[in-house]
Amino acid sequence: MATAKKPVTVPTVISVDDFLASNPDDRRRADAGRLRAIMGELTGEPALMWGPSIVGFGSYHYTYESGRGGDAPLVGFSPRKQHLVLYLTGGFEERDAALLAQLGSHGVGKGCLYLKRLDDADESVLRQLIERTVRVHRGVDRASRQ
């Protein structure tokens, strides 16, 4: 009988402050601090480490059509070497295309927004994307939930 894999992306006791301070790039540390403040303000939740490298805010439970599910942060980010990676709701790339056109320099992946620098993004548009993700994950914006 196969054993289920233990999820890697779960809340940990790792210090968010220590994790962010350990980033060797001054700009990336500053951007991560600003993003932490923005996400904390918009979610009303404290920052927690999810796994070894994701700063997440709040949580929600998801269930796939297969019945498999788990928990994930409402919204989160990781200050990676090449980009700030923001973890948003799945499908935002298509659904929020008009907002993304106003955001500024960025890249997208499945549920991820990639920014080289926070200053390259229009903060009001970024806030809208984050707020939308939080609403979807809290079930307030169910019509577009993926």
N, C-alpha and C. Protein backbone atom coordinates (compact mmCIF):
# COMPACT_ATOMS: atom_id res chain seq x y z
N MET A 1 0.84 -1.18 0.00
CA MET A 1 0.00 0.00 0.00
C MET A 1 0.89 1.24 0.00
N ALA A 2 0.59 2.18 -0.87
CA ALA A 2 1.36 3.42 -0.97
C ALA A 2 1.01 4.34 0.18
N THR A 3 2.01 5.03 0.67
CA THR A 3 1.75 6.00 1.73
C THR A 3 1.61 7.38 1.12
N ALA A 4 0.75 8.17 1.72
CA ALA A 4 0.52 9.53 1.21
C ALA A 4 1.72 10.40 1.54
N LYS A 5 2.07 11.25 0.58
CA LYS A 5 3.15 12.19 0.81
C LYS A 5 2.71 13.26 1.79
N LYS A 6 3.61 13.64 2.67
CA LYS A 6 3.34 14.72 3.60
C LYS A 6 3.50 16.04 2.85
N PRO A 7 2.51 16.95 2.93
CA PRO A 7 2.63 18.22 2.22
C PRO A 7 3.85 19.02 2.71
N VAL A 8 4.52 19.65 1.78
CA VAL A 8 5.68 20.48 2.11
C VAL A 8 5.24 21.89 2.48
N THR A 9 4.21 22.37 1.80
CA THR A 9 3.77 23.74 2.01
C THR A 9 2.71 23.79 3.10
N VAL A 10 3.20 23.76 4.33
CA VAL A 10 2.35 23.85 5.51
C VAL A 10 2.95 24.91 6.43
N PRO A 11 2.15 25.48 7.33
CA PRO A 11 2.71 26.46 8.26
C PRO A 11 3.83 25.84 9.09
N THR A 12 4.87 26.64 9.32
CA THR A 12 6.01 26.18 10.11
C THR A 12 6.27 27.17 11.25
N VAL A 13 7.23 26.85 12.08
CA VAL A 13 7.62 27.75 13.17
C VAL A 13 8.82 28.61 12.79
N ILE A 14 9.23 28.54 11.54
CA ILE A 14 10.35 29.36 11.06
C ILE A 14 9.96 30.82 11.22
N SER A 15 10.89 31.64 11.66
CA SER A 15 10.64 33.07 11.84
C SER A 15 10.61 33.79 10.48
N VAL A 16 9.51 34.49 10.22
CA VAL A 16 9.41 35.27 8.99
C VAL A 16 10.49 36.35 8.98
N ASP A 17 10.68 37.01 10.12
CA ASP A 17 11.70 38.06 10.21
C ASP A 17 13.08 37.52 9.85
N ASP A 18 13.44 36.36 10.42
CA ASP A 18 14.75 35.77 10.14
C ASP A 18 14.87 35.36 8.67
N PHE A 19 13.81 34.76 8.13
CA PHE A 19 13.83 34.35 6.73
C PHE A 19 14.05 35.55 5.82
N LEU A 20 13.28 36.61 6.02
CA LEU A 20 13.41 37.79 5.15
C LEU A 20 14.77 38.46 5.33
N ALA A 21 15.26 38.53 6.57
CA ALA A 21 16.55 39.16 6.83
C ALA A 21 17.70 38.37 6.22
N SER A 22 17.50 37.08 5.98
CA SER A 22 18.58 36.25 5.45
C SER A 22 18.80 36.44 3.95
N ASN A 23 17.91 37.16 3.28
CA ASN A 23 18.09 37.39 1.85
C ASN A 23 19.29 38.32 1.64
N PRO A 24 20.27 37.92 0.83
CA PRO A 24 21.48 38.72 0.68
C PRO A 24 21.31 40.00 -0.15
N ASP A 25 20.21 40.12 -0.87
CA ASP A 25 20.01 41.27 -1.75
C ASP A 25 19.22 42.36 -1.03
N ASP A 26 19.82 43.54 -0.88
CA ASP A 26 19.18 44.65 -0.16
C ASP A 26 17.83 45.03 -0.76
N ARG A 27 17.78 45.16 -2.09
CA ARG A 27 16.52 45.54 -2.75
C ARG A 27 15.46 44.48 -2.53
N ARG A 28 15.83 43.21 -2.66
CA ARG A 28 14.87 42.13 -2.48
C ARG A 28 14.33 42.12 -1.05
N ARG A 29 15.22 42.37 -0.07
CA ARG A 29 14.78 42.45 1.34
C ARG A 29 13.79 43.60 1.53
N ALA A 30 14.08 44.75 0.95
CA ALA A 30 13.20 45.91 1.07
C ALA A 30 11.86 45.65 0.40
N ASP A 31 11.89 45.07 -0.81
CA ASP A 31 10.65 44.74 -1.52
C ASP A 31 9.82 43.73 -0.72
N ALA A 32 10.48 42.74 -0.14
CA ALA A 32 9.78 41.72 0.65
C ALA A 32 9.13 42.36 1.88
N GLY A 33 9.82 43.31 2.50
CA GLY A 33 9.24 44.00 3.65
C GLY A 33 8.00 44.80 3.27
N ARG A 34 8.06 45.48 2.14
CA ARG A 34 6.89 46.23 1.66
C ARG A 34 5.74 45.31 1.31
N LEU A 35 6.05 44.21 0.63
CA LEU A 35 5.02 43.26 0.24
C LEU A 35 4.38 42.61 1.46
N ARG A 36 5.19 42.32 2.45
CA ARG A 36 4.66 41.77 3.72
C ARG A 36 3.67 42.74 4.34
N ALA A 37 4.01 44.01 4.36
CA ALA A 37 3.11 45.02 4.94
C ALA A 37 1.81 45.12 4.14
N ILE A 38 1.91 45.13 2.82
CA ILE A 38 0.72 45.23 1.96
C ILE A 38 -0.20 44.03 2.17
N MET A 39 0.37 42.84 2.11
CA MET A 39 -0.45 41.63 2.26
C MET A 39 -1.04 41.52 3.66
N GLY A 40 -0.28 41.92 4.66
CA GLY A 40 -0.80 41.90 6.02
C GLY A 40 -1.96 42.86 6.18
N GLU A 41 -1.83 44.03 5.61
CA GLU A 41 -2.90 45.03 5.66
C GLU A 41 -4.16 44.54 4.95
N LEU A 42 -3.99 43.97 3.76
CA LEU A 42 -5.14 43.57 2.95
C LEU A 42 -5.84 42.31 3.45
N THR A 43 -5.10 41.44 4.14
CA THR A 43 -5.71 40.21 4.65
C THR A 43 -6.15 40.34 6.10
N GLY A 44 -5.50 41.24 6.85
CA GLY A 44 -5.75 41.31 8.28
C GLY A 44 -5.16 40.13 9.02
N GLU A 45 -4.26 39.41 8.38
CA GLU A 45 -3.66 38.19 8.95
C GLU A 45 -2.16 38.40 9.16
N PRO A 46 -1.60 37.72 10.16
CA PRO A 46 -0.15 37.81 10.36
C PRO A 46 0.59 36.97 9.33
N ALA A 47 1.82 37.33 9.08
CA ALA A 47 2.67 36.56 8.16
C ALA A 47 3.17 35.31 8.88
N LEU A 48 3.09 34.18 8.19
CA LEU A 48 3.64 32.91 8.68
C LEU A 48 4.44 32.28 7.56
N MET A 49 5.44 31.52 7.93
CA MET A 49 6.18 30.77 6.93
C MET A 49 5.40 29.51 6.59
N TRP A 50 5.21 29.28 5.30
CA TRP A 50 4.60 28.07 4.78
C TRP A 50 5.72 27.32 4.08
N GLY A 51 6.15 26.23 4.65
CA GLY A 51 7.31 25.53 4.13
C GLY A 51 8.54 26.38 4.38
N PRO A 52 9.63 26.07 3.69
CA PRO A 52 10.87 26.79 3.97
C PRO A 52 11.03 28.14 3.30
N SER A 53 10.12 28.50 2.33
CA SER A 53 10.41 29.72 1.57
C SER A 53 9.21 30.55 1.14
N ILE A 54 8.01 30.26 1.65
CA ILE A 54 6.84 31.05 1.27
C ILE A 54 6.31 31.78 2.50
N VAL A 55 6.15 33.08 2.36
CA VAL A 55 5.54 33.90 3.41
C VAL A 55 4.05 33.97 3.06
N GLY A 56 3.21 33.39 3.92
CA GLY A 56 1.79 33.32 3.65
C GLY A 56 0.97 34.05 4.69
N PHE A 57 -0.25 34.37 4.31
CA PHE A 57 -1.17 35.13 5.16
C PHE A 57 -2.51 34.42 5.20
N GLY A 58 -2.96 34.04 6.40
CA GLY A 58 -4.23 33.34 6.54
C GLY A 58 -4.15 31.98 5.89
N SER A 59 -5.31 31.32 5.76
CA SER A 59 -5.34 30.03 5.09
C SER A 59 -6.75 29.76 4.58
N TYR A 60 -6.82 28.84 3.65
CA TYR A 60 -8.10 28.36 3.13
C TYR A 60 -7.93 26.90 2.78
N HIS A 61 -9.04 26.18 2.72
CA HIS A 61 -9.01 24.77 2.37
C HIS A 61 -9.47 24.62 0.92
N TYR A 62 -8.76 23.82 0.17
CA TYR A 62 -9.15 23.56 -1.22
C TYR A 62 -9.40 22.07 -1.40
N THR A 63 -10.25 21.74 -2.35
CA THR A 63 -10.52 20.35 -2.70
C THR A 63 -10.58 20.25 -4.22
N TYR A 64 -9.79 19.35 -4.78
CA TYR A 64 -9.80 19.11 -6.21
C TYR A 64 -10.99 18.21 -6.57
N GLU A 65 -11.31 18.14 -7.84
CA GLU A 65 -12.40 17.27 -8.31
C GLU A 65 -12.14 15.81 -7.92
N SER A 66 -10.89 15.44 -7.81
CA SER A 66 -10.53 14.07 -7.43
C SER A 66 -10.87 13.76 -5.97
N GLY A 67 -11.16 14.82 -5.21
CA GLY A 67 -11.42 14.65 -3.79
C GLY A 67 -10.21 14.96 -2.93
N ARG A 68 -9.04 14.98 -3.53
CA ARG A 68 -7.82 15.32 -2.79
C ARG A 68 -7.85 16.81 -2.48
N GLY A 69 -7.33 17.18 -1.34
CA GLY A 69 -7.33 18.59 -0.97
C GLY A 69 -6.25 18.90 0.03
N GLY A 70 -6.30 20.10 0.54
CA GLY A 70 -5.32 20.53 1.53
C GLY A 70 -5.58 21.96 1.93
N ASP A 71 -4.62 22.52 2.59
CA ASP A 71 -4.70 23.91 3.02
C ASP A 71 -3.56 24.70 2.38
N ALA A 72 -3.82 25.97 2.14
CA ALA A 72 -2.83 26.86 1.53
C ALA A 72 -3.06 28.26 2.08
N PRO A 73 -2.06 29.12 1.97
CA PRO A 73 -2.28 30.50 2.41
C PRO A 73 -3.28 31.21 1.50
N LEU A 74 -4.04 32.15 2.06
CA LEU A 74 -4.95 32.96 1.24
C LEU A 74 -4.17 33.62 0.11
N VAL A 75 -3.03 34.16 0.46
CA VAL A 75 -2.14 34.82 -0.48
C VAL A 75 -0.74 34.73 0.11
N GLY A 76 0.27 34.73 -0.73
CA GLY A 76 1.62 34.63 -0.20
C GLY A 76 2.64 35.10 -1.23
N PHE A 77 3.90 35.09 -0.80
CA PHE A 77 4.98 35.47 -1.70
C PHE A 77 6.27 34.80 -1.26
N SER A 78 7.23 34.79 -2.17
CA SER A 78 8.56 34.32 -1.87
C SER A 78 9.57 35.23 -2.57
N PRO A 79 10.53 35.76 -1.83
CA PRO A 79 11.55 36.63 -2.42
C PRO A 79 12.68 35.79 -3.00
N ARG A 80 12.47 35.24 -4.17
CA ARG A 80 13.45 34.37 -4.81
C ARG A 80 14.59 35.20 -5.42
N LYS A 81 15.63 34.54 -5.84
CA LYS A 81 16.80 35.22 -6.38
C LYS A 81 16.46 36.07 -7.61
N GLN A 82 15.72 35.49 -8.56
CA GLN A 82 15.42 36.18 -9.81
C GLN A 82 14.19 37.09 -9.74
N HIS A 83 13.21 36.73 -8.91
CA HIS A 83 11.93 37.45 -8.88
C HIS A 83 11.32 37.43 -7.49
N LEU A 84 10.42 38.35 -7.29
CA LEU A 84 9.46 38.22 -6.19
C LEU A 84 8.34 37.38 -6.79
N VAL A 85 8.00 36.30 -6.15
CA VAL A 85 6.92 35.44 -6.65
C VAL A 85 5.72 35.63 -5.74
N LEU A 86 4.60 36.07 -6.31
CA LEU A 86 3.36 36.22 -5.56
C LEU A 86 2.45 35.06 -5.91
N TYR A 87 1.89 34.42 -4.89
CA TYR A 87 1.00 33.28 -5.08
C TYR A 87 -0.43 33.79 -4.98
N LEU A 88 -1.09 33.81 -6.13
CA LEU A 88 -2.45 34.33 -6.23
C LEU A 88 -3.40 33.17 -6.55
N THR A 89 -4.63 33.49 -6.88
CA THR A 89 -5.60 32.45 -7.19
C THR A 89 -5.43 31.95 -8.62
N GLY A 90 -5.67 30.67 -8.81
CA GLY A 90 -5.55 30.08 -10.14
C GLY A 90 -6.48 30.75 -11.13
N GLY A 91 -6.00 30.93 -12.35
CA GLY A 91 -6.80 31.53 -13.40
C GLY A 91 -6.78 33.04 -13.45
N PHE A 92 -6.04 33.67 -12.55
CA PHE A 92 -6.03 35.14 -12.54
C PHE A 92 -5.44 35.68 -13.84
N GLU A 93 -4.57 34.90 -14.48
CA GLU A 93 -3.91 35.36 -15.70
C GLU A 93 -4.92 35.73 -16.77
N GLU A 94 -5.96 34.91 -16.92
CA GLU A 94 -6.99 35.19 -17.92
C GLU A 94 -8.06 36.14 -17.37
N ARG A 95 -8.52 35.84 -16.17
CA ARG A 95 -9.62 36.59 -15.59
C ARG A 95 -9.26 38.06 -15.36
N ASP A 96 -8.04 38.31 -14.96
CA ASP A 96 -7.63 39.68 -14.62
C ASP A 96 -6.67 40.27 -15.65
N ALA A 97 -6.83 39.87 -16.90
CA ALA A 97 -5.95 40.34 -17.97
C ALA A 97 -5.93 41.86 -18.08
N ALA A 98 -7.10 42.51 -17.90
CA ALA A 98 -7.15 43.98 -18.00
C ALA A 98 -6.32 44.62 -16.90
N LEU A 99 -6.39 44.08 -15.69
CA LEU A 99 -5.57 44.61 -14.59
C LEU A 99 -4.08 44.37 -14.88
N LEU A 100 -3.76 43.17 -15.33
CA LEU A 100 -2.36 42.85 -15.61
C LEU A 100 -1.77 43.78 -16.66
N ALA A 101 -2.59 44.21 -17.61
CA ALA A 101 -2.12 45.13 -18.65
C ALA A 101 -1.73 46.48 -18.06
N GLN A 102 -2.28 46.81 -16.89
CA GLN A 102 -1.99 48.08 -16.22
C GLN A 102 -0.90 47.95 -15.15
N LEU A 103 -0.51 46.72 -14.83
CA LEU A 103 0.38 46.46 -13.69
C LEU A 103 1.79 46.99 -13.89
N GLY A 104 2.32 46.87 -15.07
CA GLY A 104 3.72 47.18 -15.29
C GLY A 104 4.47 45.90 -15.61
N SER A 105 5.79 45.96 -15.60
CA SER A 105 6.63 44.82 -15.97
C SER A 105 6.40 43.64 -15.03
N HIS A 106 6.05 42.48 -15.61
CA HIS A 106 5.77 41.29 -14.81
C HIS A 106 5.78 40.06 -15.70
N GLY A 107 5.72 38.91 -15.07
CA GLY A 107 5.53 37.64 -15.74
C GLY A 107 4.45 36.88 -14.99
N VAL A 108 3.87 35.89 -15.62
CA VAL A 108 2.83 35.09 -14.96
C VAL A 108 3.09 33.61 -15.21
N GLY A 109 2.62 32.81 -14.29
CA GLY A 109 2.64 31.37 -14.39
C GLY A 109 1.35 30.89 -13.76
N LYS A 110 1.18 29.63 -13.63
CA LYS A 110 -0.05 29.07 -13.10
C LYS A 110 -0.27 29.53 -11.65
N GLY A 111 -1.09 30.57 -11.49
CA GLY A 111 -1.37 31.09 -10.15
C GLY A 111 -0.26 31.94 -9.56
N CYS A 112 0.79 32.21 -10.33
CA CYS A 112 1.94 32.97 -9.82
C CYS A 112 2.14 34.25 -10.64
N LEU A 113 2.51 35.29 -9.93
CA LEU A 113 2.88 36.57 -10.54
C LEU A 113 4.34 36.81 -10.21
N TYR A 114 5.14 37.11 -11.23
CA TYR A 114 6.58 37.32 -11.05
C TYR A 114 6.92 38.78 -11.29
N LEU A 115 7.59 39.38 -10.30
CA LEU A 115 8.04 40.77 -10.41
C LEU A 115 9.55 40.82 -10.16
N LYS A 116 10.25 41.55 -11.00
CA LYS A 116 11.69 41.74 -10.76
C LYS A 116 11.90 42.69 -9.59
N ARG A 117 11.11 43.77 -9.59
CA ARG A 117 11.19 44.79 -8.54
C ARG A 117 9.78 45.27 -8.24
N LEU A 118 9.51 45.54 -7.00
CA LEU A 118 8.19 46.02 -6.62
C LEU A 118 7.92 47.40 -7.21
N ASP A 119 8.95 48.21 -7.37
CA ASP A 119 8.78 49.54 -7.95
C ASP A 119 8.35 49.50 -9.41
N ASP A 120 8.53 48.36 -10.08
CA ASP A 120 8.11 48.22 -11.48
C ASP A 120 6.61 48.02 -11.62
N ALA A 121 5.94 47.74 -10.50
CA ALA A 121 4.50 47.45 -10.53
C ALA A 121 3.69 48.62 -10.00
N ASP A 122 2.54 48.85 -10.59
CA ASP A 122 1.60 49.85 -10.09
C ASP A 122 0.98 49.28 -8.82
N GLU A 123 1.26 49.92 -7.68
CA GLU A 123 0.83 49.37 -6.39
C GLU A 123 -0.69 49.27 -6.27
N SER A 124 -1.43 50.20 -6.83
CA SER A 124 -2.89 50.12 -6.72
C SER A 124 -3.43 48.92 -7.49
N VAL A 125 -2.83 48.60 -8.62
CA VAL A 125 -3.24 47.43 -9.39
C VAL A 125 -2.84 46.16 -8.65
N LEU A 126 -1.64 46.15 -8.09
CA LEU A 126 -1.18 45.00 -7.31
C LEU A 126 -2.11 44.74 -6.13
N ARG A 127 -2.51 45.78 -5.47
CA ARG A 127 -3.44 45.65 -4.34
C ARG A 127 -4.77 45.04 -4.80
N GLN A 128 -5.25 45.44 -5.96
CA GLN A 128 -6.50 44.88 -6.48
C GLN A 128 -6.36 43.38 -6.75
N LEU A 129 -5.24 42.97 -7.30
CA LEU A 129 -5.00 41.56 -7.57
C LEU A 129 -4.95 40.75 -6.27
N ILE A 130 -4.29 41.29 -5.27
CA ILE A 130 -4.19 40.62 -3.97
C ILE A 130 -5.57 40.55 -3.32
N GLU A 131 -6.30 41.66 -3.31
CA GLU A 131 -7.65 41.67 -2.71
C GLU A 131 -8.56 40.67 -3.39
N ARG A 132 -8.48 40.57 -4.71
CA ARG A 132 -9.32 39.63 -5.46
C ARG A 132 -9.00 38.20 -5.06
N THR A 133 -7.73 37.89 -4.93
CA THR A 133 -7.31 36.55 -4.50
C THR A 133 -7.87 36.22 -3.12
N VAL A 134 -7.77 37.15 -2.20
CA VAL A 134 -8.27 36.93 -0.84
C VAL A 134 -9.78 36.70 -0.87
N ARG A 135 -10.50 37.49 -1.63
CA ARG A 135 -11.97 37.31 -1.73
C ARG A 135 -12.32 35.94 -2.29
N VAL A 136 -11.63 35.53 -3.33
CA VAL A 136 -11.90 34.22 -3.94
C VAL A 136 -11.62 33.11 -2.93
N HIS A 137 -10.47 33.17 -2.27
CA HIS A 137 -10.11 32.11 -1.33
C HIS A 137 -10.98 32.10 -0.08
N ARG A 138 -11.53 33.23 0.27
CA ARG A 138 -12.46 33.27 1.42
C ARG A 138 -13.88 32.92 1.01
N GLY A 139 -14.10 32.70 -0.28
CA GLY A 139 -15.42 32.31 -0.75
C GLY A 139 -16.36 33.46 -0.96
N VAL A 140 -15.88 34.69 -0.91
CA VAL A 140 -16.71 35.86 -1.09
C VAL A 140 -16.99 36.10 -2.57
N ASP A 141 -16.06 35.70 -3.41
CA ASP A 141 -16.13 35.91 -4.86
C ASP A 141 -16.25 34.56 -5.55
N ARG A 142 -17.29 33.81 -5.20
CA ARG A 142 -17.42 32.42 -5.67
C ARG A 142 -17.67 32.30 -7.18
N ALA A 143 -18.27 33.27 -7.79
CA ALA A 143 -18.61 33.18 -9.22
C ALA A 143 -17.38 32.91 -10.06
N SER A 144 -16.22 33.37 -9.63
CA SER A 144 -15.02 33.21 -10.43
C SER A 144 -14.02 32.26 -9.79
N ARG A 145 -14.43 31.56 -8.76
CA ARG A 145 -13.48 30.69 -8.05
C ARG A 145 -13.04 29.54 -8.96
N GLN A 146 -11.76 29.29 -8.96
CA GLN A 146 -11.19 28.22 -9.79
C GLN A 146 -10.99 26.99 -8.96
